[in-house]
All heavy atoms as atom14 arrays in JSON, in Angstrom:
{
  "sequence": "FDLAYRGMERVVATFALLRRRAHEHRQLAMLLSTSSSSFLHDTSILCT",
  "atom14_mask": [
    [1, 1, 1, 1, 1, 1, 1, 1, 1, 1, 1, 0, 0, 0],
    [1, 1, 1, 1, 1, 1, 1, 1, 0, 0, 0, 0, 0, 0],
    [1, 1, 1, 1, 1, 1, 1, 1, 0, 0, 0, 0, 0, 0],
    [1, 1, 1, 1, 1, 0, 0, 0, 0, 0, 0, 0, 0, 0],
    [1, 1, 1, 1, 1, 1, 1, 1, 1, 1, 1, 1, 0, 0],
    [1, 1, 1, 1, 1, 1, 1, 1, 1, 1, 1, 0, 0, 0],
    [1, 1, 1, 1, 0, 0, 0, 0, 0, 0, 0, 0, 0, 0],
    [1, 1, 1, 1, 1, 1, 1, 1, 0, 0, 0, 0, 0, 0],
    [1, 1, 1, 1, 1, 1, 1, 1, 1, 0, 0, 0, 0, 0],
    [1, 1, 1, 1, 1, 1, 1, 1, 1, 1, 1, 0, 0, 0],
    [1, 1, 1, 1, 1, 1, 1, 0, 0, 0, 0, 0, 0, 0],
    [1, 1, 1, 1, 1, 1, 1, 0, 0, 0, 0, 0, 0, 0],
    [1, 1, 1, 1, 1, 0, 0, 0, 0, 0, 0, 0, 0, 0],
    [1, 1, 1, 1, 1, 1, 1, 0, 0, 0, 0, 0, 0, 0],
    [1, 1, 1, 1, 1, 1, 1, 1, 1, 1, 1, 0, 0, 0],
    [1, 1, 1, 1, 1, 0, 0, 0, 0, 0, 0, 0, 0, 0],
    [1, 1, 1, 1, 1, 1, 1, 1, 0, 0, 0, 0, 0, 0],
    [1, 1, 1, 1, 1, 1, 1, 1, 0, 0, 0, 0, 0, 0],
    [1, 1, 1, 1, 1, 1, 1, 1, 1, 1, 1, 0, 0, 0],
    [1, 1, 1, 1, 1, 1, 1, 1, 1, 1, 1, 0, 0, 0],
    [1, 1, 1, 1, 1, 1, 1, 1, 1, 1, 1, 0, 0, 0],
    [1, 1, 1, 1, 1, 0, 0, 0, 0, 0, 0, 0, 0, 0],
    [1, 1, 1, 1, 1, 1, 1, 1, 1, 1, 0, 0, 0, 0],
    [1, 1, 1, 1, 1, 1, 1, 1, 1, 0, 0, 0, 0, 0],
    [1, 1, 1, 1, 1, 1, 1, 1, 1, 1, 0, 0, 0, 0],
    [1, 1, 1, 1, 1, 1, 1, 1, 1, 1, 1, 0, 0, 0],
    [1, 1, 1, 1, 1, 1, 1, 1, 1, 0, 0, 0, 0, 0],
    [1, 1, 1, 1, 1, 1, 1, 1, 0, 0, 0, 0, 0, 0],
    [1, 1, 1, 1, 1, 0, 0, 0, 0, 0, 0, 0, 0, 0],
    [1, 1, 1, 1, 1, 1, 1, 1, 0, 0, 0, 0, 0, 0],
    [1, 1, 1, 1, 1, 1, 1, 1, 0, 0, 0, 0, 0, 0],
    [1, 1, 1, 1, 1, 1, 1, 1, 0, 0, 0, 0, 0, 0],
    [1, 1, 1, 1, 1, 1, 0, 0, 0, 0, 0, 0, 0, 0],
    [1, 1, 1, 1, 1, 1, 1, 0, 0, 0, 0, 0, 0, 0],
    [1, 1, 1, 1, 1, 1, 0, 0, 0, 0, 0, 0, 0, 0],
    [1, 1, 1, 1, 1, 1, 0, 0, 0, 0, 0, 0, 0, 0],
    [1, 1, 1, 1, 1, 1, 0, 0, 0, 0, 0, 0, 0, 0],
    [1, 1, 1, 1, 1, 1, 0, 0, 0, 0, 0, 0, 0, 0],
    [1, 1, 1, 1, 1, 1, 1, 1, 1, 1, 1, 0, 0, 0],
    [1, 1, 1, 1, 1, 1, 1, 1, 0, 0, 0, 0, 0, 0],
    [1, 1, 1, 1, 1, 1, 1, 1, 1, 1, 0, 0, 0, 0],
    [1, 1, 1, 1, 1, 1, 1, 1, 0, 0, 0, 0, 0, 0],
    [1, 1, 1, 1, 1, 1, 1, 0, 0, 0, 0, 0, 0, 0],
    [1, 1, 1, 1, 1, 1, 0, 0, 0, 0, 0, 0, 0, 0],
    [1, 1, 1, 1, 1, 1, 1, 1, 0, 0, 0, 0, 0, 0],
    [1, 1, 1, 1, 1, 1, 1, 1, 0, 0, 0, 0, 0, 0],
    [1, 1, 1, 1, 1, 1, 0, 0, 0, 0, 0, 0, 0, 0],
    [1, 1, 1, 1, 1, 1, 1, 0, 0, 0, 0, 0, 0, 0]
  ],
  "atom14_positions": [
    [[-224.91, -141.72, -56.91], [-223.6, -141.76, -56.25], [-222.48, -141.63, -57.27], [-221.53, -140.88, -57.06], [-223.44, -143.07, -55.46], [-222.1, -143.19, -54.81], [-221.81, -142.49, -53.66], [-221.13, -144.01, -55.37], [-220.56, -142.59, -53.06], [-219.88, -144.12, -54.78], [-219.6, -143.4, -53.62], [0.0, 0.0, 0.0], [0.0, 0.0, 0.0], [0.0, 0.0, 0.0]],
    [[-222.61, -142.34, -58.38], [-221.59, -142.26, -59.43], [-221.49, -140.85, -59.99], [-220.39, -140.34, -60.23], [-221.89, -143.25, -60.56], [-221.72, -144.7, -60.14], [-221.03, -144.94, -59.13], [-222.29, -145.57, -60.81], [0.0, 0.0, 0.0], [0.0, 0.0, 0.0], [0.0, 0.0, 0.0], [0.0, 0.0, 0.0], [0.0, 0.0, 0.0], [0.0, 0.0, 0.0]],
    [[-222.62, -140.22, -60.2], [-222.61, -138.85, -60.72], [-221.95, -137.9, -59.73], [-221.14, -137.04, -60.11], [-224.04, -138.39, -61.02], [-224.72, -139.01, -62.22], [-226.18, -138.57, -62.29], [-223.99, -138.62, -63.5], [0.0, 0.0, 0.0], [0.0, 0.0, 0.0], [0.0, 0.0, 0.0], [0.0, 0.0, 0.0], [0.0, 0.0, 0.0], [0.0, 0.0, 0.0]],
    [[-222.28, -138.04, -58.45], [-221.68, -137.18, -57.43], [-220.17, -137.43, -57.34], [-219.38, -136.49, -57.22], [-222.34, -137.42, -56.09], [0.0, 0.0, 0.0], [0.0, 0.0, 0.0], [0.0, 0.0, 0.0], [0.0, 0.0, 0.0], [0.0, 0.0, 0.0], [0.0, 0.0, 0.0], [0.0, 0.0, 0.0], [0.0, 0.0, 0.0], [0.0, 0.0, 0.0]],
    [[-219.77, -138.68, -57.42], [-218.36, -139.03, -57.34], [-217.58, -138.44, -58.51], [-216.51, -137.85, -58.34], [-218.2, -140.55, -57.29], [-216.78, -141.0, -57.07], [-216.22, -140.94, -55.8], [-216.01, -141.47, -58.12], [-214.91, -141.35, -55.58], [-214.71, -141.87, -57.91], [-214.17, -141.81, -56.64], [-212.86, -142.2, -56.44], [0.0, 0.0, 0.0], [0.0, 0.0, 0.0]],
    [[-218.14, -138.6, -59.71], [-217.48, -138.03, -60.9], [-217.42, -136.51, -60.81], [-216.43, -135.9, -61.21], [-218.2, -138.46, -62.17], [-217.86, -139.89, -62.57], [-218.42, -140.19, -63.91], [-219.88, -140.09, -63.85], [-220.72, -140.96, -64.37], [-220.25, -141.98, -65.02], [-222.01, -140.81, -64.26], [0.0, 0.0, 0.0], [0.0, 0.0, 0.0], [0.0, 0.0, 0.0]],
    [[-218.47, -135.91, -60.28], [-218.46, -134.46, -60.11], [-217.38, -134.01, -59.15], [-216.67, -133.03, -59.4], [0.0, 0.0, 0.0], [0.0, 0.0, 0.0], [0.0, 0.0, 0.0], [0.0, 0.0, 0.0], [0.0, 0.0, 0.0], [0.0, 0.0, 0.0], [0.0, 0.0, 0.0], [0.0, 0.0, 0.0], [0.0, 0.0, 0.0], [0.0, 0.0, 0.0]],
    [[-217.23, -134.73, -58.05], [-216.19, -134.39, -57.09], [-214.8, -134.62, -57.68], [-213.87, -133.85, -57.42], [-216.36, -135.19, -55.8], [-217.52, -134.74, -54.95], [-217.48, -132.99, -54.54], [-215.99, -132.89, -53.58], [0.0, 0.0, 0.0], [0.0, 0.0, 0.0], [0.0, 0.0, 0.0], [0.0, 0.0, 0.0], [0.0, 0.0, 0.0], [0.0, 0.0, 0.0]],
    [[-214.64, -135.66, -58.48], [-213.36, -135.9, -59.14], [-213.0, -134.73, -60.04], [-211.85, -134.3, -60.08], [-213.41, -137.18, -59.98], [-213.27, -138.46, -59.2], [-213.27, -139.67, -60.09], [-213.95, -139.65, -61.15], [-212.61, -140.66, -59.74], [0.0, 0.0, 0.0], [0.0, 0.0, 0.0], [0.0, 0.0, 0.0], [0.0, 0.0, 0.0], [0.0, 0.0, 0.0]],
    [[-213.98, -134.21, -60.76], [-213.74, -133.07, -61.65], [-213.37, -131.82, -60.87], [-212.51, -131.05, -61.27], [-214.95, -132.81, -62.54], [-215.15, -133.91, -63.58], [-216.28, -133.6, -64.49], [-215.84, -132.52, -65.38], [-216.58, -132.05, -66.37], [-217.78, -132.53, -66.58], [-216.14, -131.08, -67.13], [0.0, 0.0, 0.0], [0.0, 0.0, 0.0], [0.0, 0.0, 0.0]],
    [[-214.04, -131.61, -59.74], [-213.73, -130.45, -58.89], [-212.3, -130.55, -58.37], [-211.53, -129.58, -58.44], [-214.75, -130.33, -57.74], [-214.29, -129.33, -56.7], [-216.12, -129.95, -58.27], [0.0, 0.0, 0.0], [0.0, 0.0, 0.0], [0.0, 0.0, 0.0], [0.0, 0.0, 0.0], [0.0, 0.0, 0.0], [0.0, 0.0, 0.0], [0.0, 0.0, 0.0]],
    [[-211.93, -131.72, -57.88], [-210.58, -131.92, -57.35], [-209.55, -131.75, -58.46], [-208.5, -131.11, -58.27], [-210.46, -133.3, -56.68], [-209.01, -133.65, -56.35], [-211.31, -133.34, -55.42], [0.0, 0.0, 0.0], [0.0, 0.0, 0.0], [0.0, 0.0, 0.0], [0.0, 0.0, 0.0], [0.0, 0.0, 0.0], [0.0, 0.0, 0.0], [0.0, 0.0, 0.0]],
    [[-209.81, -132.29, -59.64], [-208.89, -132.16, -60.76], [-208.74, -130.7, -61.18], [-207.63, -130.25, -61.51], [-209.36, -133.01, -61.94], [0.0, 0.0, 0.0], [0.0, 0.0, 0.0], [0.0, 0.0, 0.0], [0.0, 0.0, 0.0], [0.0, 0.0, 0.0], [0.0, 0.0, 0.0], [0.0, 0.0, 0.0], [0.0, 0.0, 0.0], [0.0, 0.0, 0.0]],
    [[-209.83, -129.95, -61.16], [-209.77, -128.54, -61.52], [-208.95, -127.76, -60.51], [-208.11, -126.92, -60.89], [-211.2, -127.95, -61.62], [-211.92, -128.68, -62.62], [-211.16, -126.48, -62.0], [0.0, 0.0, 0.0], [0.0, 0.0, 0.0], [0.0, 0.0, 0.0], [0.0, 0.0, 0.0], [0.0, 0.0, 0.0], [0.0, 0.0, 0.0], [0.0, 0.0, 0.0]],
    [[-209.15, -128.01, -59.22], [-208.35, -127.34, -58.2], [-206.87, -127.7, -58.34], [-206.0, -126.84, -58.17], [-208.84, -127.65, -56.8], [-210.01, -126.81, -56.38], [-211.22, -127.39, -56.07], [-209.9, -125.43, -56.29], [-212.3, -126.62, -55.69], [-210.96, -124.65, -55.91], [-212.18, -125.24, -55.61], [0.0, 0.0, 0.0], [0.0, 0.0, 0.0], [0.0, 0.0, 0.0]],
    [[-206.58, -128.94, -58.64], [-205.18, -129.36, -58.83], [-204.56, -128.63, -60.02], [-203.4, -128.19, -59.95], [-205.1, -130.87, -59.01], [0.0, 0.0, 0.0], [0.0, 0.0, 0.0], [0.0, 0.0, 0.0], [0.0, 0.0, 0.0], [0.0, 0.0, 0.0], [0.0, 0.0, 0.0], [0.0, 0.0, 0.0], [0.0, 0.0, 0.0], [0.0, 0.0, 0.0]],
    [[-205.31, -128.5, -61.1], [-204.82, -127.79, -62.28], [-204.55, -126.32, -61.95], [-203.5, -125.78, -62.32], [-205.83, -127.91, -63.42], [-205.53, -127.1, -64.67], [-204.28, -127.63, -65.35], [-206.72, -127.15, -65.62], [0.0, 0.0, 0.0], [0.0, 0.0, 0.0], [0.0, 0.0, 0.0], [0.0, 0.0, 0.0], [0.0, 0.0, 0.0], [0.0, 0.0, 0.0]],
    [[-205.48, -125.67, -61.26], [-205.31, -124.27, -60.91], [-204.12, -124.08, -59.97], [-203.36, -123.12, -60.1], [-206.58, -123.72, -60.27], [-207.78, -123.59, -61.2], [-209.0, -123.12, -60.43], [-207.48, -122.66, -62.36], [0.0, 0.0, 0.0], [0.0, 0.0, 0.0], [0.0, 0.0, 0.0], [0.0, 0.0, 0.0], [0.0, 0.0, 0.0], [0.0, 0.0, 0.0]],
    [[-203.95, -125.01, -59.05], [-202.82, -124.93, -58.12], [-201.5, -125.07, -58.87], [-200.54, -124.34, -58.6], [-202.96, -126.02, -57.07], [-201.94, -125.94, -55.98], [-202.28, -126.91, -54.87], [-201.34, -126.75, -53.78], [-200.58, -127.71, -53.33], [-200.68, -128.92, -53.84], [-199.74, -127.49, -52.36], [0.0, 0.0, 0.0], [0.0, 0.0, 0.0], [0.0, 0.0, 0.0]],
    [[-201.45, -126.0, -59.83], [-200.22, -126.19, -60.62], [-199.92, -124.95, -61.45], [-198.78, -124.5, -61.53], [-200.36, -127.43, -61.51], [-199.06, -127.78, -62.22], [-199.16, -129.06, -63.0], [-199.97, -128.86, -64.19], [-201.07, -129.55, -64.47], [-201.49, -130.49, -63.66], [-201.75, -129.32, -65.58], [0.0, 0.0, 0.0], [0.0, 0.0, 0.0], [0.0, 0.0, 0.0]],
    [[-200.96, -124.37, -62.07], [-200.75, -123.16, -62.87], [-200.25, -122.01, -62.0], [-199.36, -121.27, -62.41], [-202.06, -122.73, -63.54], [-202.43, -123.57, -64.73], [-203.69, -123.0, -65.34], [-204.21, -123.86, -66.37], [-205.41, -123.72, -66.9], [-206.21, -122.75, -66.5], [-205.81, -124.54, -67.84], [0.0, 0.0, 0.0], [0.0, 0.0, 0.0], [0.0, 0.0, 0.0]],
    [[-200.83, -121.84, -60.81], [-200.4, -120.77, -59.92], [-198.94, -120.97, -59.53], [-198.15, -120.02, -59.49], [-201.3, -120.72, -58.69], [0.0, 0.0, 0.0], [0.0, 0.0, 0.0], [0.0, 0.0, 0.0], [0.0, 0.0, 0.0], [0.0, 0.0, 0.0], [0.0, 0.0, 0.0], [0.0, 0.0, 0.0], [0.0, 0.0, 0.0], [0.0, 0.0, 0.0]],
    [[-198.57, -122.21, -59.24], [-197.19, -122.53, -58.88], [-196.24, -122.2, -60.03], [-195.17, -121.61, -59.83], [-197.08, -123.99, -58.47], [-195.7, -124.42, -58.12], [-195.08, -124.02, -56.94], [-194.81, -125.2, -58.77], [-193.86, -124.55, -56.91], [-193.68, -125.26, -58.0], [0.0, 0.0, 0.0], [0.0, 0.0, 0.0], [0.0, 0.0, 0.0], [0.0, 0.0, 0.0]],
    [[-196.62, -122.57, -61.25], [-195.79, -122.3, -62.42], [-195.64, -120.8, -62.65], [-194.55, -120.32, -63.0], [-196.39, -122.97, -63.66], [-196.26, -124.47, -63.64], [-197.04, -125.15, -64.75], [-197.74, -124.45, -65.53], [-196.97, -126.38, -64.86], [0.0, 0.0, 0.0], [0.0, 0.0, 0.0], [0.0, 0.0, 0.0], [0.0, 0.0, 0.0], [0.0, 0.0, 0.0]],
    [[-196.71, -120.03, -62.44], [-196.63, -118.58, -62.62], [-195.71, -117.96, -61.56], [-194.94, -117.05, -61.87], [-198.03, -117.96, -62.55], [-198.78, -118.1, -63.83], [-199.15, -117.03, -64.6], [-199.23, -119.2, -64.49], [-199.79, -117.46, -65.68], [-199.86, -118.77, -65.62], [0.0, 0.0, 0.0], [0.0, 0.0, 0.0], [0.0, 0.0, 0.0], [0.0, 0.0, 0.0]],
    [[-195.81, -118.44, -60.32], [-194.92, -117.93, -59.27], [-193.46, -118.26, -59.59], [-192.58, -117.43, -59.41], [-195.3, -118.51, -57.91], [-196.49, -117.85, -57.28], [-196.66, -118.26, -55.82], [-196.69, -119.69, -55.62], [-197.8, -120.44, -55.64], [-198.96, -119.87, -55.85], [-197.74, -121.74, -55.45], [0.0, 0.0, 0.0], [0.0, 0.0, 0.0], [0.0, 0.0, 0.0]],
    [[-193.21, -119.48, -60.07], [-191.84, -119.87, -60.43], [-191.3, -119.01, -61.56], [-190.15, -118.58, -61.53], [-191.79, -121.33, -60.84], [-191.85, -122.31, -59.7], [-191.71, -123.73, -60.21], [-192.26, -124.09, -61.25], [-191.0, -124.55, -59.45], [0.0, 0.0, 0.0], [0.0, 0.0, 0.0], [0.0, 0.0, 0.0], [0.0, 0.0, 0.0], [0.0, 0.0, 0.0]],
    [[-192.12, -118.75, -62.56], [-191.69, -117.94, -63.69], [-191.42, -116.51, -63.25], [-190.42, -115.9, -63.66], [-192.75, -117.96, -64.79], [-192.43, -117.24, -66.09], [-191.14, -117.81, -66.69], [-193.57, -117.37, -67.07], [0.0, 0.0, 0.0], [0.0, 0.0, 0.0], [0.0, 0.0, 0.0], [0.0, 0.0, 0.0], [0.0, 0.0, 0.0], [0.0, 0.0, 0.0]],
    [[-192.27, -115.95, -62.39], [-192.04, -114.6, -61.89], [-190.76, -114.54, -61.07], [-189.99, -113.57, -61.17], [-193.24, -114.14, -61.05], [0.0, 0.0, 0.0], [0.0, 0.0, 0.0], [0.0, 0.0, 0.0], [0.0, 0.0, 0.0], [0.0, 0.0, 0.0], [0.0, 0.0, 0.0], [0.0, 0.0, 0.0], [0.0, 0.0, 0.0], [0.0, 0.0, 0.0]],
    [[-190.5, -115.56, -60.26], [-189.27, -115.61, -59.47], [-188.05, -115.73, -60.39], [-187.03, -115.08, -60.17], [-189.3, -116.78, -58.49], [-188.16, -116.79, -57.51], [-188.28, -118.06, -56.24], [-188.31, -119.54, -57.22], [0.0, 0.0, 0.0], [0.0, 0.0, 0.0], [0.0, 0.0, 0.0], [0.0, 0.0, 0.0], [0.0, 0.0, 0.0], [0.0, 0.0, 0.0]],
    [[-188.16, -116.53, -61.43], [-187.07, -116.68, -62.39], [-186.76, -115.36, -63.07], [-185.6, -114.99, -63.24], [-187.44, -117.74, -63.43], [-186.43, -118.04, -64.52], [-185.21, -118.72, -63.9], [-187.05, -118.9, -65.59], [0.0, 0.0, 0.0], [0.0, 0.0, 0.0], [0.0, 0.0, 0.0], [0.0, 0.0, 0.0], [0.0, 0.0, 0.0], [0.0, 0.0, 0.0]],
    [[-187.81, -114.61, -63.42], [-187.61, -113.32, -64.06], [-186.94, -112.31, -63.13], [-186.13, -111.49, -63.56], [-188.94, -112.75, -64.55], [-189.52, -113.4, -65.8], [-190.93, -112.91, -66.04], [-188.64, -113.1, -67.0], [0.0, 0.0, 0.0], [0.0, 0.0, 0.0], [0.0, 0.0, 0.0], [0.0, 0.0, 0.0], [0.0, 0.0, 0.0], [0.0, 0.0, 0.0]],
    [[-187.3, -112.37, -61.84], [-186.76, -111.39, -60.91], [-185.33, -111.71, -60.48], [-184.58, -110.8, -60.11], [-187.65, -111.27, -59.68], [-187.61, -112.47, -58.95], [0.0, 0.0, 0.0], [0.0, 0.0, 0.0], [0.0, 0.0, 0.0], [0.0, 0.0, 0.0], [0.0, 0.0, 0.0], [0.0, 0.0, 0.0], [0.0, 0.0, 0.0], [0.0, 0.0, 0.0]],
    [[-184.92, -112.96, -60.54], [-183.59, -113.32, -60.04], [-182.59, -113.67, -61.13], [-181.39, -113.64, -60.88], [-183.69, -114.53, -59.09], [-184.25, -115.63, -59.79], [-184.52, -114.2, -57.87], [0.0, 0.0, 0.0], [0.0, 0.0, 0.0], [0.0, 0.0, 0.0], [0.0, 0.0, 0.0], [0.0, 0.0, 0.0], [0.0, 0.0, 0.0], [0.0, 0.0, 0.0]],
    [[-183.05, -114.01, -62.33], [-182.13, -114.49, -63.36], [-181.73, -113.37, -64.3], [-182.43, -112.39, -64.5], [-182.79, -115.6, -64.18], [-183.09, -116.68, -63.36], [0.0, 0.0, 0.0], [0.0, 0.0, 0.0], [0.0, 0.0, 0.0], [0.0, 0.0, 0.0], [0.0, 0.0, 0.0], [0.0, 0.0, 0.0], [0.0, 0.0, 0.0], [0.0, 0.0, 0.0]],
    [[-180.58, -113.56, -64.87], [-180.12, -112.62, -65.88], [-180.76, -112.97, -67.22], [-181.26, -114.07, -67.43], [-178.6, -112.69, -66.0], [-178.22, -113.97, -66.49], [0.0, 0.0, 0.0], [0.0, 0.0, 0.0], [0.0, 0.0, 0.0], [0.0, 0.0, 0.0], [0.0, 0.0, 0.0], [0.0, 0.0, 0.0], [0.0, 0.0, 0.0], [0.0, 0.0, 0.0]],
    [[-180.75, -112.03, -68.12], [-181.37, -112.27, -69.43], [-180.6, -113.31, -70.21], [-181.15, -113.98, -71.08], [-181.46, -110.97, -70.22], [-180.17, -110.43, -70.42], [0.0, 0.0, 0.0], [0.0, 0.0, 0.0], [0.0, 0.0, 0.0], [0.0, 0.0, 0.0], [0.0, 0.0, 0.0], [0.0, 0.0, 0.0], [0.0, 0.0, 0.0], [0.0, 0.0, 0.0]],
    [[-179.29, -113.49, -69.92], [-178.52, -114.51, -70.64], [-179.01, -115.91, -70.3], [-179.04, -116.79, -71.16], [-177.03, -114.38, -70.34], [-176.8, -114.6, -68.97], [0.0, 0.0, 0.0], [0.0, 0.0, 0.0], [0.0, 0.0, 0.0], [0.0, 0.0, 0.0], [0.0, 0.0, 0.0], [0.0, 0.0, 0.0], [0.0, 0.0, 0.0], [0.0, 0.0, 0.0]],
    [[-179.42, -116.12, -69.02], [-179.96, -117.42, -68.64], [-181.25, -117.7, -69.4], [-181.46, -118.8, -69.9], [-180.21, -117.48, -67.13], [-180.9, -118.74, -66.7], [-180.21, -119.93, -66.62], [-182.25, -118.74, -66.4], [-180.85, -121.1, -66.24], [-182.89, -119.9, -66.01], [-182.19, -121.08, -65.93], [0.0, 0.0, 0.0], [0.0, 0.0, 0.0], [0.0, 0.0, 0.0]],
    [[-182.12, -116.7, -69.47], [-183.37, -116.88, -70.21], [-183.1, -117.13, -71.68], [-183.77, -117.94, -72.32], [-184.29, -115.67, -70.02], [-184.85, -115.49, -68.61], [-185.6, -114.17, -68.53], [-185.75, -116.63, -68.24], [0.0, 0.0, 0.0], [0.0, 0.0, 0.0], [0.0, 0.0, 0.0], [0.0, 0.0, 0.0], [0.0, 0.0, 0.0], [0.0, 0.0, 0.0]],
    [[-182.1, -116.43, -72.22], [-181.75, -116.63, -73.62], [-181.21, -118.05, -73.84], [-181.54, -118.69, -74.84], [-180.72, -115.6, -74.07], [-180.3, -115.75, -75.49], [-181.16, -115.46, -76.53], [-179.15, -116.19, -76.05], [-180.54, -115.71, -77.67], [-179.32, -116.16, -77.4], [0.0, 0.0, 0.0], [0.0, 0.0, 0.0], [0.0, 0.0, 0.0], [0.0, 0.0, 0.0]],
    [[-180.41, -118.53, -72.91], [-179.86, -119.88, -73.01], [-180.96, -120.94, -72.97], [-180.82, -122.02, -73.56], [-178.87, -120.16, -71.9], [-177.59, -119.34, -72.05], [-177.36, -118.82, -73.16], [-176.85, -119.23, -71.06], [0.0, 0.0, 0.0], [0.0, 0.0, 0.0], [0.0, 0.0, 0.0], [0.0, 0.0, 0.0], [0.0, 0.0, 0.0], [0.0, 0.0, 0.0]],
    [[-182.03, -120.66, -72.28], [-183.12, -121.63, -72.19], [-184.2, -121.38, -73.25], [-185.26, -121.96, -73.2], [-183.77, -121.58, -70.8], [-184.23, -120.26, -70.55], [-182.8, -122.03, -69.73], [0.0, 0.0, 0.0], [0.0, 0.0, 0.0], [0.0, 0.0, 0.0], [0.0, 0.0, 0.0], [0.0, 0.0, 0.0], [0.0, 0.0, 0.0], [0.0, 0.0, 0.0]],
    [[-183.92, -120.5, -74.2], [-184.82, -120.18, -75.32], [-186.14, -119.57, -74.86], [-187.18, -119.79, -75.46], [-185.1, -121.42, -76.18], [-183.91, -121.94, -76.67], [0.0, 0.0, 0.0], [0.0, 0.0, 0.0], [0.0, 0.0, 0.0], [0.0, 0.0, 0.0], [0.0, 0.0, 0.0], [0.0, 0.0, 0.0], [0.0, 0.0, 0.0], [0.0, 0.0, 0.0]],
    [[-186.08, -118.83, -73.77], [-187.28, -118.13, -73.29], [-187.07, -116.64, -73.53], [-186.07, -116.07, -73.1], [-187.51, -118.37, -71.78], [-187.74, -119.85, -71.51], [-188.69, -117.56, -71.28], [-187.82, -120.2, -70.04], [0.0, 0.0, 0.0], [0.0, 0.0, 0.0], [0.0, 0.0, 0.0], [0.0, 0.0, 0.0], [0.0, 0.0, 0.0], [0.0, 0.0, 0.0]],
    [[-187.96, -116.03, -74.25], [-187.88, -114.59, -74.47], [-188.36, -113.88, -73.22], [-189.36, -114.26, -72.61], [-188.74, -114.17, -75.66], [-188.36, -114.76, -77.02], [-189.38, -114.36, -78.07], [-186.98, -114.27, -77.42], [0.0, 0.0, 0.0], [0.0, 0.0, 0.0], [0.0, 0.0, 0.0], [0.0, 0.0, 0.0], [0.0, 0.0, 0.0], [0.0, 0.0, 0.0]],
    [[-187.65, -112.84, -72.82], [-188.02, -112.1, -71.6], [-189.42, -111.54, -71.71], [-190.2, -111.61, -70.75], [-187.02, -110.97, -71.35], [-185.43, -111.55, -70.78], [0.0, 0.0, 0.0], [0.0, 0.0, 0.0], [0.0, 0.0, 0.0], [0.0, 0.0, 0.0], [0.0, 0.0, 0.0], [0.0, 0.0, 0.0], [0.0, 0.0, 0.0], [0.0, 0.0, 0.0]],
    [[-189.77, -111.0, -72.86], [-191.1, -110.41, -73.0], [-192.18, -111.48, -72.9], [-193.21, -111.27, -72.26], [-191.24, -109.67, -74.34], [-190.88, -110.55, -75.41], [-190.35, -108.44, -74.36], [0.0, 0.0, 0.0], [0.0, 0.0, 0.0], [0.0, 0.0, 0.0], [0.0, 0.0, 0.0], [0.0, 0.0, 0.0], [0.0, 0.0, 0.0], [0.0, 0.0, 0.0]]
  ]
}
């Protein structure tokens, strides 16, 4: 039971990590499409 529980915890944690990464990538893509390069420069993010 402990092994199965730990395995399920790892699966859930992995899905949560992938979901967070996907969300961050969508946010970054949206930022690139809507923001000017000066905003990215002000936040120290290179466009490339």
